[in-house]
Amino acid sequence: MKKYLITSLLLAACSLAAAKLPSPTPEAKTKSDEAAAKAAWAGKVDSYQLCQAQDRVAARYMTSTQAAGKETKPATATPPCADPGTFAYIPAEAPKPIEASGAHSPATTAASPPSSTVPDAVLNPAKKP
């Protein structure tokens, strides 16, 4: 009896956990979009700082090996570090309603019929064995 009671309680808890959450408000959606844009910008800043650090290490290595009199090979050409600039969030424009997008316009009139009057035997002759 206890097994059935515990099982039914667990199933009830699972059904509550699987309940559908309400859709986010426009303000919450705007905040989440801004947070995502800021996180993407932070990733670009991190990449820029890493690029600069790698350039400094490579320059220090080249000067120290040349000072030691060792043979150095020319550096591999890499693209310059791209500065992402300051963070500026521009909210996305709301999509136009279907009526304003021109989606309800009728299709153009067909210029020719979809089929022809030529028999299939003429178009696809049977192969002789």
N, C-alpha and C. Protein backbone atom coordinates (compact mmCIF):
# COMPACT_ATOMS: atom_id res chain seq x y z
N MET A 1 0.82 -1.19 0.00
CA MET A 1 0.00 0.00 0.00
C MET A 1 0.87 1.26 0.00
N LYS A 2 1.96 1.20 0.76
CA LYS A 2 2.84 2.36 0.83
C LYS A 2 3.51 2.61 -0.51
N LYS A 3 3.81 1.54 -1.26
CA LYS A 3 4.44 1.69 -2.57
C LYS A 3 3.55 2.49 -3.52
N TYR A 4 2.25 2.18 -3.49
CA TYR A 4 1.32 2.88 -4.37
C TYR A 4 1.18 4.35 -3.96
N LEU A 5 1.18 4.61 -2.68
CA LEU A 5 1.06 5.98 -2.19
C LEU A 5 2.30 6.80 -2.57
N ILE A 6 3.48 6.23 -2.38
CA ILE A 6 4.72 6.92 -2.71
C ILE A 6 4.81 7.15 -4.22
N THR A 7 4.43 6.14 -5.00
CA THR A 7 4.47 6.27 -6.46
C THR A 7 3.52 7.36 -6.94
N SER A 8 2.32 7.39 -6.38
CA SER A 8 1.35 8.41 -6.80
C SER A 8 1.82 9.82 -6.39
N LEU A 9 2.45 9.95 -5.23
CA LEU A 9 2.98 11.25 -4.81
C LEU A 9 4.12 11.70 -5.72
N LEU A 10 4.99 10.78 -6.11
CA LEU A 10 6.08 11.11 -7.02
C LEU A 10 5.56 11.51 -8.39
N LEU A 11 4.55 10.82 -8.89
CA LEU A 11 3.95 11.18 -10.18
C LEU A 11 3.29 12.55 -10.12
N ALA A 12 2.65 12.86 -9.01
CA ALA A 12 2.03 14.18 -8.86
C ALA A 12 3.09 15.27 -8.82
N ALA A 13 4.20 15.01 -8.15
CA ALA A 13 5.28 16.00 -8.10
C ALA A 13 5.89 16.20 -9.48
N CYS A 14 6.03 15.12 -10.25
CA CYS A 14 6.58 15.24 -11.60
C CYS A 14 5.65 16.03 -12.51
N SER A 15 4.36 15.83 -12.37
CA SER A 15 3.42 16.56 -13.21
C SER A 15 3.43 18.05 -12.85
N LEU A 16 3.64 18.39 -11.59
CA LEU A 16 3.75 19.80 -11.22
C LEU A 16 5.04 20.42 -11.76
N ALA A 17 6.12 19.63 -11.77
CA ALA A 17 7.39 20.13 -12.26
C ALA A 17 7.35 20.33 -13.78
N ALA A 18 6.54 19.55 -14.47
CA ALA A 18 6.47 19.64 -15.92
C ALA A 18 5.43 20.65 -16.39
N ALA A 19 4.84 21.41 -15.47
CA ALA A 19 3.83 22.40 -15.85
C ALA A 19 4.46 23.47 -16.72
N LYS A 20 3.68 23.99 -17.63
CA LYS A 20 4.19 24.98 -18.57
C LYS A 20 4.36 26.33 -17.87
N LEU A 21 5.52 26.93 -18.09
CA LEU A 21 5.78 28.24 -17.52
C LEU A 21 5.14 29.30 -18.40
N PRO A 22 4.74 30.42 -17.81
CA PRO A 22 4.15 31.48 -18.62
C PRO A 22 5.21 32.13 -19.50
N SER A 23 4.76 32.71 -20.60
CA SER A 23 5.71 33.37 -21.50
C SER A 23 6.25 34.63 -20.83
N PRO A 24 7.50 34.99 -21.13
CA PRO A 24 8.09 36.16 -20.47
C PRO A 24 7.43 37.46 -20.93
N THR A 25 7.46 38.43 -20.05
CA THR A 25 6.91 39.74 -20.39
C THR A 25 7.86 40.44 -21.36
N PRO A 26 7.40 41.45 -22.08
CA PRO A 26 8.29 42.16 -23.01
C PRO A 26 9.50 42.78 -22.30
N GLU A 27 9.31 43.26 -21.06
CA GLU A 27 10.43 43.84 -20.32
C GLU A 27 11.47 42.79 -19.99
N ALA A 28 11.00 41.61 -19.57
CA ALA A 28 11.92 40.52 -19.24
C ALA A 28 12.66 40.05 -20.48
N LYS A 29 11.95 40.00 -21.60
CA LYS A 29 12.60 39.58 -22.85
C LYS A 29 13.65 40.59 -23.27
N THR A 30 13.36 41.88 -23.11
CA THR A 30 14.34 42.91 -23.45
C THR A 30 15.57 42.81 -22.56
N LYS A 31 15.34 42.57 -21.27
CA LYS A 31 16.47 42.43 -20.34
C LYS A 31 17.32 41.21 -20.70
N SER A 32 16.68 40.11 -21.04
CA SER A 32 17.45 38.91 -21.38
C SER A 32 18.21 39.10 -22.69
N ASP A 33 17.61 39.80 -23.65
CA ASP A 33 18.32 40.08 -24.91
C ASP A 33 19.53 40.97 -24.66
N GLU A 34 19.37 41.97 -23.77
CA GLU A 34 20.49 42.85 -23.46
C GLU A 34 21.60 42.09 -22.73
N ALA A 35 21.20 41.19 -21.83
CA ALA A 35 22.20 40.38 -21.11
C ALA A 35 22.95 39.48 -22.08
N ALA A 36 22.25 38.92 -23.06
CA ALA A 36 22.92 38.07 -24.05
C ALA A 36 23.88 38.88 -24.91
N ALA A 37 23.48 40.10 -25.27
CA ALA A 37 24.36 40.96 -26.07
C ALA A 37 25.58 41.37 -25.26
N LYS A 38 25.39 41.63 -23.98
CA LYS A 38 26.52 42.02 -23.12
C LYS A 38 27.46 40.84 -22.93
N ALA A 39 26.94 39.64 -22.81
CA ALA A 39 27.79 38.46 -22.67
C ALA A 39 28.59 38.22 -23.95
N ALA A 40 27.98 38.43 -25.10
CA ALA A 40 28.70 38.27 -26.37
C ALA A 40 29.80 39.31 -26.49
N TRP A 41 29.52 40.55 -26.08
CA TRP A 41 30.52 41.61 -26.11
C TRP A 41 31.67 41.28 -25.16
N ALA A 42 31.35 40.74 -23.98
CA ALA A 42 32.39 40.38 -23.02
C ALA A 42 33.29 39.29 -23.60
N GLY A 43 32.72 38.36 -24.35
CA GLY A 43 33.52 37.34 -25.02
C GLY A 43 34.47 37.95 -26.04
N LYS A 44 34.00 38.96 -26.77
CA LYS A 44 34.86 39.63 -27.74
C LYS A 44 35.99 40.39 -27.05
N VAL A 45 35.68 41.01 -25.90
CA VAL A 45 36.71 41.72 -25.14
C VAL A 45 37.76 40.73 -24.63
N ASP A 46 37.30 39.58 -24.15
CA ASP A 46 38.24 38.56 -23.68
C ASP A 46 39.15 38.09 -24.81
N SER A 47 38.59 37.90 -25.99
CA SER A 47 39.39 37.47 -27.14
C SER A 47 40.41 38.54 -27.52
N TYR A 48 40.01 39.80 -27.45
CA TYR A 48 40.91 40.91 -27.77
C TYR A 48 42.07 40.96 -26.77
N GLN A 49 41.75 40.82 -25.50
CA GLN A 49 42.80 40.85 -24.48
C GLN A 49 43.74 39.66 -24.62
N LEU A 50 43.21 38.49 -24.95
CA LEU A 50 44.05 37.31 -25.17
C LEU A 50 44.96 37.53 -26.36
N CYS A 51 44.45 38.11 -27.43
CA CYS A 51 45.25 38.39 -28.62
C CYS A 51 46.40 39.33 -28.29
N GLN A 52 46.11 40.37 -27.51
CA GLN A 52 47.16 41.31 -27.13
C GLN A 52 48.23 40.62 -26.27
N ALA A 53 47.80 39.78 -25.34
CA ALA A 53 48.75 39.07 -24.47
C ALA A 53 49.62 38.13 -25.30
N GLN A 54 49.03 37.45 -26.27
CA GLN A 54 49.81 36.55 -27.13
C GLN A 54 50.83 37.34 -27.96
N ASP A 55 50.44 38.51 -28.43
CA ASP A 55 51.38 39.34 -29.19
C ASP A 55 52.55 39.79 -28.32
N ARG A 56 52.26 40.17 -27.05
CA ARG A 56 53.33 40.58 -26.14
C ARG A 56 54.28 39.43 -25.85
N VAL A 57 53.75 38.24 -25.62
CA VAL A 57 54.58 37.08 -25.33
C VAL A 57 55.44 36.73 -26.55
N ALA A 58 54.86 36.79 -27.73
CA ALA A 58 55.62 36.47 -28.94
C ALA A 58 56.73 37.49 -29.16
N ALA A 59 56.45 38.78 -28.92
CA ALA A 59 57.47 39.81 -29.09
C ALA A 59 58.59 39.63 -28.07
N ARG A 60 58.25 39.31 -26.83
CA ARG A 60 59.26 39.09 -25.80
C ARG A 60 60.12 37.87 -26.14
N TYR A 61 59.49 36.82 -26.64
CA TYR A 61 60.23 35.62 -27.02
C TYR A 61 61.21 35.94 -28.16
N MET A 62 60.75 36.68 -29.16
CA MET A 62 61.62 37.01 -30.29
C MET A 62 62.82 37.84 -29.84
N THR A 63 62.59 38.83 -28.98
CA THR A 63 63.71 39.66 -28.53
C THR A 63 64.68 38.87 -27.66
N SER A 64 64.16 37.98 -26.81
CA SER A 64 65.06 37.22 -25.93
C SER A 64 65.86 36.19 -26.72
N THR A 65 65.28 35.55 -27.74
CA THR A 65 66.04 34.58 -28.52
C THR A 65 67.05 35.27 -29.42
N GLN A 66 66.72 36.44 -29.93
CA GLN A 66 67.69 37.18 -30.75
C GLN A 66 68.83 37.70 -29.88
N ALA A 67 68.54 38.11 -28.64
CA ALA A 67 69.57 38.59 -27.73
C ALA A 67 70.50 37.44 -27.32
N ALA A 68 69.96 36.23 -27.25
CA ALA A 68 70.77 35.07 -26.89
C ALA A 68 71.58 34.58 -28.08
N GLY A 69 71.33 35.13 -29.25
CA GLY A 69 72.08 34.75 -30.44
C GLY A 69 71.56 33.49 -31.11
N LYS A 70 70.35 33.08 -30.77
CA LYS A 70 69.78 31.89 -31.41
C LYS A 70 69.10 32.28 -32.71
N GLU A 71 69.01 31.29 -33.58
CA GLU A 71 68.36 31.53 -34.88
C GLU A 71 66.84 31.55 -34.68
N THR A 72 66.19 32.55 -35.25
CA THR A 72 64.74 32.64 -35.16
C THR A 72 64.15 32.62 -36.56
N LYS A 73 63.02 32.01 -36.64
CA LYS A 73 62.28 31.98 -37.92
C LYS A 73 61.32 33.17 -37.93
N PRO A 74 60.97 33.65 -39.10
CA PRO A 74 60.01 34.77 -39.14
C PRO A 74 58.66 34.33 -38.59
N ALA A 75 57.99 35.27 -37.95
CA ALA A 75 56.69 34.98 -37.34
C ALA A 75 55.64 34.71 -38.40
N THR A 76 54.71 33.87 -38.06
CA THR A 76 53.58 33.59 -38.95
C THR A 76 52.67 34.80 -38.99
N ALA A 77 52.24 35.17 -40.16
CA ALA A 77 51.35 36.33 -40.30
C ALA A 77 49.97 35.99 -39.74
N THR A 78 49.52 36.81 -38.83
CA THR A 78 48.20 36.64 -38.24
C THR A 78 47.43 37.95 -38.39
N PRO A 79 46.11 37.90 -38.36
CA PRO A 79 45.34 39.14 -38.47
C PRO A 79 45.55 39.98 -37.21
N PRO A 80 45.47 41.30 -37.32
CA PRO A 80 45.65 42.14 -36.15
C PRO A 80 44.50 41.95 -35.15
N CYS A 81 44.76 42.28 -33.91
CA CYS A 81 43.73 42.16 -32.88
C CYS A 81 42.62 43.18 -33.15
N ALA A 82 41.39 42.74 -33.08
CA ALA A 82 40.25 43.61 -33.36
C ALA A 82 39.64 44.10 -32.05
N ASP A 83 39.70 45.40 -31.82
CA ASP A 83 39.14 46.00 -30.61
C ASP A 83 37.62 46.05 -30.74
N PRO A 84 36.87 45.44 -29.78
CA PRO A 84 35.42 45.45 -29.89
C PRO A 84 34.78 46.79 -29.53
N GLY A 85 35.54 47.71 -28.95
CA GLY A 85 34.99 49.01 -28.59
C GLY A 85 34.16 48.93 -27.32
N THR A 86 33.41 49.98 -27.06
CA THR A 86 32.57 50.01 -25.86
C THR A 86 31.25 49.30 -26.14
N PHE A 87 30.61 48.87 -25.07
CA PHE A 87 29.35 48.14 -25.21
C PHE A 87 28.23 49.12 -25.55
N ALA A 88 27.50 48.81 -26.59
CA ALA A 88 26.34 49.60 -26.99
C ALA A 88 25.25 48.63 -27.42
N TYR A 89 24.15 48.63 -26.68
CA TYR A 89 23.04 47.73 -26.99
C TYR A 89 21.98 48.48 -27.80
N ILE A 90 21.64 47.94 -28.95
CA ILE A 90 20.58 48.49 -29.78
C ILE A 90 19.48 47.44 -29.84
N PRO A 91 18.32 47.71 -29.24
CA PRO A 91 17.26 46.69 -29.22
C PRO A 91 16.78 46.37 -30.63
N ALA A 92 16.42 45.12 -30.81
CA ALA A 92 15.93 44.67 -32.12
C ALA A 92 14.54 45.26 -32.36
N GLU A 93 14.27 45.51 -33.63
CA GLU A 93 12.98 46.06 -34.01
C GLU A 93 11.93 44.96 -33.99
N ALA A 94 10.75 45.27 -33.50
CA ALA A 94 9.67 44.30 -33.44
C ALA A 94 9.26 43.90 -34.86
N PRO A 95 8.96 42.62 -35.09
CA PRO A 95 8.56 42.21 -36.44
C PRO A 95 7.22 42.81 -36.83
N LYS A 96 7.07 43.06 -38.12
CA LYS A 96 5.82 43.64 -38.63
C LYS A 96 4.72 42.58 -38.55
N PRO A 97 3.48 43.00 -38.35
CA PRO A 97 2.39 42.03 -38.40
C PRO A 97 2.25 41.48 -39.82
N ILE A 98 1.63 40.35 -39.94
CA ILE A 98 1.51 39.68 -41.24
C ILE A 98 0.82 40.56 -42.26
N GLU A 99 -0.16 41.35 -41.84
CA GLU A 99 -0.88 42.20 -42.78
C GLU A 99 0.05 43.24 -43.41
N ALA A 100 1.03 43.73 -42.67
CA ALA A 100 1.92 44.76 -43.18
C ALA A 100 3.09 44.18 -43.96
N SER A 101 3.31 42.89 -43.86
CA SER A 101 4.47 42.29 -44.52
C SER A 101 4.20 41.90 -45.97
N GLY A 102 2.97 41.98 -46.42
CA GLY A 102 2.64 41.65 -47.80
C GLY A 102 2.48 40.15 -48.02
N ALA A 103 2.36 39.37 -46.95
CA ALA A 103 2.24 37.93 -47.08
C ALA A 103 0.88 37.51 -47.61
N HIS A 104 -0.09 38.40 -47.56
CA HIS A 104 -1.43 38.03 -48.00
C HIS A 104 -1.67 38.30 -49.48
N SER A 105 -0.66 38.76 -50.18
CA SER A 105 -0.82 39.06 -51.60
C SER A 105 -1.08 37.78 -52.38
N PRO A 106 -1.97 37.84 -53.38
CA PRO A 106 -2.26 36.63 -54.15
C PRO A 106 -1.09 36.27 -55.08
N ALA A 107 -1.03 35.01 -55.42
CA ALA A 107 0.02 34.54 -56.33
C ALA A 107 -0.28 35.03 -57.74
N THR A 108 0.74 35.06 -58.57
CA THR A 108 0.54 35.50 -59.95
C THR A 108 -0.23 34.43 -60.72
N THR A 109 -0.89 34.86 -61.78
CA THR A 109 -1.66 33.95 -62.60
C THR A 109 -0.72 33.08 -63.42
N ALA A 110 -1.05 31.80 -63.53
CA ALA A 110 -0.21 30.86 -64.28
C ALA A 110 -0.26 31.20 -65.76
N ALA A 111 0.90 31.11 -66.42
CA ALA A 111 0.97 31.43 -67.85
C ALA A 111 0.66 30.21 -68.70
N SER A 112 0.85 29.02 -68.18
CA SER A 112 0.57 27.81 -68.94
C SER A 112 -0.06 26.79 -67.99
N PRO A 113 -0.78 25.81 -68.55
CA PRO A 113 -1.40 24.81 -67.69
C PRO A 113 -0.34 23.92 -67.05
N PRO A 114 -0.64 23.32 -65.89
CA PRO A 114 0.34 22.50 -65.21
C PRO A 114 0.64 21.18 -65.91
N SER A 115 -0.21 20.76 -66.84
CA SER A 115 0.04 19.50 -67.55
C SER A 115 -0.02 19.75 -69.06
N SER A 116 0.36 18.75 -69.82
CA SER A 116 0.32 18.89 -71.27
C SER A 116 -0.58 17.81 -71.86
N THR A 117 -0.92 17.97 -73.15
CA THR A 117 -1.78 17.00 -73.82
C THR A 117 -0.99 15.91 -74.52
N VAL A 118 0.33 15.94 -74.40
CA VAL A 118 1.16 14.93 -75.05
C VAL A 118 1.04 13.63 -74.24
N PRO A 119 0.78 12.50 -74.91
CA PRO A 119 0.65 11.23 -74.18
C PRO A 119 1.97 10.84 -73.51
N ASP A 120 1.85 10.11 -72.45
CA ASP A 120 3.03 9.67 -71.69
C ASP A 120 3.89 8.73 -72.52
N ALA A 121 3.30 7.95 -73.39
CA ALA A 121 4.07 7.02 -74.23
C ALA A 121 5.01 7.77 -75.17
N VAL A 122 4.66 8.97 -75.57
CA VAL A 122 5.51 9.77 -76.44
C VAL A 122 6.66 10.36 -75.63
N LEU A 123 6.35 10.84 -74.44
CA LEU A 123 7.38 11.45 -73.60
C LEU A 123 8.35 10.42 -73.01
N ASN A 124 7.83 9.26 -72.63
CA ASN A 124 8.64 8.20 -72.02
C ASN A 124 8.44 6.89 -72.78
N PRO A 125 9.10 6.73 -73.90
CA PRO A 125 8.91 5.49 -74.67
C PRO A 125 9.46 4.30 -73.89
N ALA A 126 8.77 3.17 -74.04
CA ALA A 126 9.19 1.95 -73.36
C ALA A 126 10.48 1.42 -73.97
N LYS A 127 11.38 0.92 -73.16
CA LYS A 127 12.64 0.36 -73.64
C LYS A 127 12.39 -1.05 -74.15
N LYS A 128 12.99 -1.37 -75.30
CA LYS A 128 12.83 -2.69 -75.87
C LYS A 128 13.87 -3.61 -75.28
N PRO A 129 13.46 -4.83 -74.91
CA PRO A 129 14.44 -5.77 -74.31
C PRO A 129 15.43 -6.34 -75.27
